Amino acid sequence: MVTQFITVEINLNDLALSLQHTIEAQLTLQGEPLRWAITEVRQGIAHVEAVVLQEI
């Protein structure tokens, strides 16, 4: 297993679930989220930086 630093963008206008659930769902697509933070919000887009655990 390896840790990876990733970034994702979440469109705040298209939220079907809560913001937390939406972010975690997006991060889970790339691995197991270890920690994440919203680092910027601009024009309805939340920029999220995260560390995920991925299998090799």
N, C-alpha and C. Protein backbone atom coordinates (compact mmCIF):
# COMPACT_ATOMS: atom_id res chain seq x y z
N MET A 1 0.85 -1.18 0.00
CA MET A 1 0.00 0.00 0.00
C MET A 1 0.89 1.24 0.00
N VAL A 2 0.36 2.29 -0.58
CA VAL A 2 1.12 3.52 -0.72
C VAL A 2 0.17 4.71 -0.46
N THR A 3 0.72 5.77 0.12
CA THR A 3 -0.08 6.98 0.31
C THR A 3 0.14 7.91 -0.87
N GLN A 4 -0.92 8.59 -1.27
CA GLN A 4 -0.87 9.53 -2.39
C GLN A 4 -1.53 10.84 -1.98
N PHE A 5 -0.94 11.95 -2.40
CA PHE A 5 -1.55 13.27 -2.23
C PHE A 5 -2.35 13.55 -3.48
N ILE A 6 -3.63 13.85 -3.33
CA ILE A 6 -4.49 14.11 -4.49
C ILE A 6 -5.28 15.40 -4.27
N THR A 7 -5.82 15.92 -5.34
CA THR A 7 -6.74 17.05 -5.27
C THR A 7 -7.98 16.71 -6.09
N VAL A 8 -9.12 17.16 -5.63
CA VAL A 8 -10.38 17.00 -6.36
C VAL A 8 -11.15 18.31 -6.30
N GLU A 9 -12.01 18.51 -7.27
CA GLU A 9 -12.89 19.68 -7.30
C GLU A 9 -14.32 19.20 -7.15
N ILE A 10 -15.07 19.86 -6.29
CA ILE A 10 -16.46 19.52 -6.04
C ILE A 10 -17.32 20.73 -6.42
N ASN A 11 -18.26 20.51 -7.32
CA ASN A 11 -19.18 21.57 -7.71
C ASN A 11 -20.25 21.68 -6.63
N LEU A 12 -20.26 22.79 -5.94
CA LEU A 12 -21.19 22.98 -4.83
C LEU A 12 -22.64 23.14 -5.29
N ASN A 13 -22.85 23.45 -6.55
CA ASN A 13 -24.21 23.62 -7.07
C ASN A 13 -24.88 22.29 -7.39
N ASP A 14 -24.09 21.21 -7.49
CA ASP A 14 -24.63 19.91 -7.89
C ASP A 14 -24.64 18.90 -6.75
N LEU A 15 -24.70 19.34 -5.52
CA LEU A 15 -24.65 18.41 -4.39
C LEU A 15 -25.96 17.65 -4.26
N ALA A 16 -25.86 16.31 -4.31
CA ALA A 16 -27.03 15.47 -4.09
C ALA A 16 -27.11 15.06 -2.62
N LEU A 17 -25.95 14.92 -1.99
CA LEU A 17 -25.85 14.56 -0.57
C LEU A 17 -25.23 15.73 0.18
N SER A 18 -24.88 15.50 1.42
CA SER A 18 -24.19 16.55 2.16
C SER A 18 -22.80 16.74 1.57
N LEU A 19 -22.19 17.87 1.83
CA LEU A 19 -20.86 18.16 1.31
C LEU A 19 -19.85 17.12 1.78
N GLN A 20 -19.89 16.75 3.04
CA GLN A 20 -18.95 15.76 3.58
C GLN A 20 -19.09 14.42 2.86
N HIS A 21 -20.31 13.94 2.68
CA HIS A 21 -20.53 12.66 2.00
C HIS A 21 -20.08 12.71 0.54
N THR A 22 -20.32 13.83 -0.12
CA THR A 22 -19.92 13.98 -1.51
C THR A 22 -18.40 13.94 -1.64
N ILE A 23 -17.71 14.66 -0.77
CA ILE A 23 -16.24 14.67 -0.80
C ILE A 23 -15.69 13.28 -0.53
N GLU A 24 -16.19 12.63 0.50
CA GLU A 24 -15.69 11.30 0.84
C GLU A 24 -15.97 10.29 -0.27
N ALA A 25 -17.10 10.41 -0.94
CA ALA A 25 -17.41 9.51 -2.06
C ALA A 25 -16.43 9.71 -3.21
N GLN A 26 -16.11 10.96 -3.51
CA GLN A 26 -15.15 11.24 -4.58
C GLN A 26 -13.75 10.72 -4.22
N LEU A 27 -13.36 10.90 -2.99
CA LEU A 27 -12.03 10.45 -2.56
C LEU A 27 -11.93 8.93 -2.54
N THR A 28 -13.00 8.25 -2.18
CA THR A 28 -13.01 6.80 -2.11
C THR A 28 -12.78 6.18 -3.49
N LEU A 29 -13.11 6.90 -4.54
CA LEU A 29 -12.86 6.40 -5.90
C LEU A 29 -11.37 6.25 -6.18
N GLN A 30 -10.53 6.98 -5.42
CA GLN A 30 -9.10 6.96 -5.66
C GLN A 30 -8.31 6.24 -4.57
N GLY A 31 -8.99 5.78 -3.54
CA GLY A 31 -8.33 5.07 -2.45
C GLY A 31 -9.07 5.29 -1.14
N GLU A 32 -8.45 4.87 -0.06
CA GLU A 32 -9.04 5.05 1.26
C GLU A 32 -8.59 6.40 1.82
N PRO A 33 -9.53 7.35 2.02
CA PRO A 33 -9.13 8.67 2.52
C PRO A 33 -8.58 8.59 3.94
N LEU A 34 -7.40 9.16 4.14
CA LEU A 34 -6.81 9.22 5.47
C LEU A 34 -7.08 10.58 6.11
N ARG A 35 -6.95 11.63 5.30
CA ARG A 35 -7.29 12.98 5.76
C ARG A 35 -7.55 13.86 4.55
N TRP A 36 -8.39 14.87 4.75
CA TRP A 36 -8.69 15.78 3.66
C TRP A 36 -9.06 17.14 4.22
N ALA A 37 -8.96 18.16 3.36
CA ALA A 37 -9.32 19.52 3.76
C ALA A 37 -9.78 20.29 2.53
N ILE A 38 -10.77 21.14 2.73
CA ILE A 38 -11.18 22.07 1.69
C ILE A 38 -10.19 23.23 1.78
N THR A 39 -9.46 23.46 0.70
CA THR A 39 -8.41 24.48 0.73
C THR A 39 -8.81 25.78 0.05
N GLU A 40 -9.86 25.72 -0.77
CA GLU A 40 -10.29 26.92 -1.47
C GLU A 40 -11.71 26.73 -1.98
N VAL A 41 -12.48 27.79 -1.98
CA VAL A 41 -13.80 27.80 -2.61
C VAL A 41 -13.84 29.02 -3.51
N ARG A 42 -14.08 28.76 -4.81
CA ARG A 42 -14.11 29.86 -5.76
C ARG A 42 -15.18 29.57 -6.80
N GLN A 43 -16.08 30.50 -6.99
CA GLN A 43 -17.14 30.42 -8.00
C GLN A 43 -17.91 29.11 -7.94
N GLY A 44 -18.28 28.70 -6.73
CA GLY A 44 -19.11 27.51 -6.56
C GLY A 44 -18.37 26.19 -6.66
N ILE A 45 -17.03 26.23 -6.70
CA ILE A 45 -16.22 25.02 -6.77
C ILE A 45 -15.35 24.94 -5.51
N ALA A 46 -15.47 23.81 -4.79
CA ALA A 46 -14.64 23.57 -3.62
C ALA A 46 -13.42 22.75 -4.05
N HIS A 47 -12.24 23.22 -3.72
CA HIS A 47 -11.00 22.51 -4.02
C HIS A 47 -10.59 21.75 -2.76
N VAL A 48 -10.43 20.44 -2.90
CA VAL A 48 -10.14 19.58 -1.77
C VAL A 48 -8.78 18.93 -1.98
N GLU A 49 -7.93 19.00 -0.96
CA GLU A 49 -6.65 18.30 -0.97
C GLU A 49 -6.76 17.16 0.02
N ALA A 50 -6.21 16.01 -0.36
CA ALA A 50 -6.38 14.82 0.48
C ALA A 50 -5.17 13.91 0.38
N VAL A 51 -5.04 13.07 1.40
CA VAL A 51 -4.09 11.97 1.38
C VAL A 51 -4.94 10.70 1.43
N VAL A 52 -4.70 9.83 0.44
CA VAL A 52 -5.43 8.57 0.37
C VAL A 52 -4.45 7.40 0.38
N LEU A 53 -4.91 6.27 0.85
CA LEU A 53 -4.14 5.05 0.86
C LEU A 53 -4.58 4.20 -0.32
N GLN A 54 -3.62 3.87 -1.20
CA GLN A 54 -3.94 3.10 -2.40
C GLN A 54 -3.20 1.77 -2.36
N GLU A 55 -3.84 0.73 -2.90
CA GLU A 55 -3.17 -0.55 -3.06
C GLU A 55 -2.35 -0.52 -4.32
N ILE A 56 -1.21 -1.18 -4.30
CA ILE A 56 -0.36 -1.18 -5.49
C ILE A 56 -0.65 -2.40 -6.34
